[in-house]
Protein backbone atom coordinates (compact mmCIF):
# COMPACT_ATOMS: atom_id res chain seq x y z
CA MET A 1 0.00 0.00 0.00
CA ASP A 2 1.36 3.39 -0.87
CA LEU A 3 1.98 6.13 1.68
CA VAL A 4 -1.02 8.25 0.73
CA ASN A 5 -3.51 5.40 1.14
CA HIS A 6 -1.86 4.32 4.37
CA LEU A 7 -2.18 7.80 5.86
CA GLN A 8 -5.82 8.04 4.76
CA ILE A 9 -6.62 4.71 6.43
CA GLU A 10 -4.88 5.76 9.66
CA GLU A 11 -6.83 9.02 9.68
CA HIS A 12 -10.09 7.15 9.09
CA LEU A 13 -9.33 4.74 11.94
CA ARG A 14 -8.72 7.71 14.28
CA ASP A 15 -12.03 9.32 13.29
CA CYS A 16 -14.27 6.24 12.96
CA GLN A 17 -14.85 4.44 16.26
CA SER A 18 -16.51 1.32 14.75
CA CYS A 19 -13.75 0.73 12.17
CA SER A 20 -11.14 1.27 14.87
CA ILE A 21 -12.75 -1.42 17.04
CA VAL A 22 -12.93 -3.87 14.12
CA TYR A 23 -9.29 -3.20 13.26
CA LYS A 24 -8.17 -3.73 16.88
CA ASN A 25 -10.16 -6.97 17.05
CA GLN A 26 -8.57 -8.23 13.85
CA LYS A 27 -5.09 -7.40 15.16
CA ALA A 28 -5.83 -9.24 18.41
CA LEU A 29 -7.16 -12.26 16.53
CA LYS A 30 -4.11 -12.32 14.28
CA SER A 31 -1.71 -12.24 17.21
CA ALA A 32 -3.72 -14.95 19.03
CA MET A 33 -3.61 -17.19 15.96
CA ALA A 34 0.15 -16.73 15.71
CA THR A 35 0.83 -18.14 19.16
CA ASP A 36 2.16 -21.65 19.57
CA SER A 37 -0.70 -22.73 21.83
CA LEU A 38 -3.04 -23.28 18.87
CA TYR A 39 -0.52 -25.31 16.88
CA PHE A 40 -1.10 -29.06 16.83
CA HIS A 41 2.10 -31.02 17.34
CA ALA A 42 1.88 -34.40 15.61
CA LEU A 43 3.27 -37.59 17.05
CA PRO A 44 7.00 -38.03 16.42
CA ASN A 45 6.60 -41.26 14.45
CA LEU A 46 3.72 -39.98 12.31
CA GLN A 47 6.00 -38.97 9.45
CA ASN A 48 7.59 -42.45 9.36
CA ARG A 49 4.19 -44.14 9.38
CA ILE A 50 2.95 -41.95 6.52
CA ARG A 51 6.06 -42.69 4.45
CA GLN A 52 5.75 -46.43 5.04
CA THR A 53 2.10 -46.35 4.01
CA LEU A 54 2.92 -44.41 0.85
CA ARG A 55 5.72 -46.83 -0.06
CA ALA A 56 3.40 -49.82 0.41
CA ALA A 57 0.71 -48.19 -1.72
CA ASP A 58 3.29 -47.36 -4.40
CA ARG A 59 4.49 -50.96 -4.49
CA GLU A 60 0.94 -52.20 -4.97
CA THR A 61 0.20 -49.83 -7.84
CA SER A 62 3.53 -50.27 -9.60
CA ARG A 63 3.16 -54.01 -10.17
CA PRO A 64 2.68 -54.79 -13.86
CA SER A 65 -0.59 -56.46 -14.61
CA GLY A 66 -2.01 -58.17 -17.69
CA LYS A 67 -4.87 -55.68 -17.87
CA TRP A 68 -2.90 -53.31 -20.07
CA LEU A 69 -2.61 -56.03 -22.73
CA TRP A 70 -6.38 -56.32 -22.95
CA ARG A 71 -6.64 -52.58 -23.27
CA LEU A 72 -4.23 -52.65 -26.20
CA ALA A 73 -5.94 -55.53 -28.00
CA PRO A 74 -8.58 -53.40 -29.82
CA ALA A 75 -5.93 -50.93 -30.94
CA LEU A 76 -3.67 -53.71 -32.22
CA ALA A 77 -6.59 -55.30 -34.07
CA ALA A 78 -7.43 -51.96 -35.70
CA VAL A 79 -3.81 -51.53 -36.79
CA ALA A 80 -3.79 -55.04 -38.26
CA VAL A 81 -6.97 -54.33 -40.25
CA ILE A 82 -5.56 -51.04 -41.56
CA VAL A 83 -2.30 -52.72 -42.60
CA ALA A 84 -4.22 -55.48 -44.37
CA ILE A 85 -6.36 -52.96 -46.27
CA VAL A 86 -3.33 -50.91 -47.28
CA VAL A 87 -1.46 -54.01 -48.46
CA LEU A 88 -4.43 -55.19 -50.50
CA LEU A 89 -4.94 -51.80 -52.12
CA ILE A 90 -1.31 -51.01 -52.83
CA TRP A 91 0.05 -54.47 -53.61
CA PRO A 92 0.34 -54.76 -57.38
CA GLY A 93 -1.91 -57.42 -58.80
CA PRO A 94 -1.25 -59.37 -61.98
CA THR A 95 -0.77 -57.16 -65.01
CA LYS A 96 -2.73 -57.55 -68.24
CA ASP A 97 0.24 -59.22 -69.87
CA LYS A 98 0.50 -61.81 -67.12
CA LEU A 99 -3.23 -62.50 -67.28
CA LEU A 100 -3.05 -62.97 -71.05
CA ALA A 101 -0.03 -65.24 -70.72
CA SER A 102 -1.72 -67.39 -68.09
CA GLU A 103 -4.87 -67.68 -70.22
CA MET A 104 -2.81 -68.74 -73.23
CA VAL A 105 -0.91 -71.32 -71.23
CA SER A 106 -4.09 -72.77 -69.79
CA ALA A 107 -5.78 -72.95 -73.19
């Protein structure tokens, strides 16, 4: 806050009794909240217990399972179908000359 606004607020607090009371109450509440008496001190071994629990949970979730294979199966099938279609469309079939030669040989 700049100096001008700060001075205006101080002047207002001197002149306005209700704002001055609210401001004093807020200051008292802030100082009461800052004291150590309201702080909860956790048990000394709580941090170790939390870390052990997290490690155990991490071990359970990091095990590889066969479920991912079943999730990939539809994608792999779609890729196989696309490859088959591309091969059938691009693969050169017998040319007219080869067809004519095979007809003449069979006749």
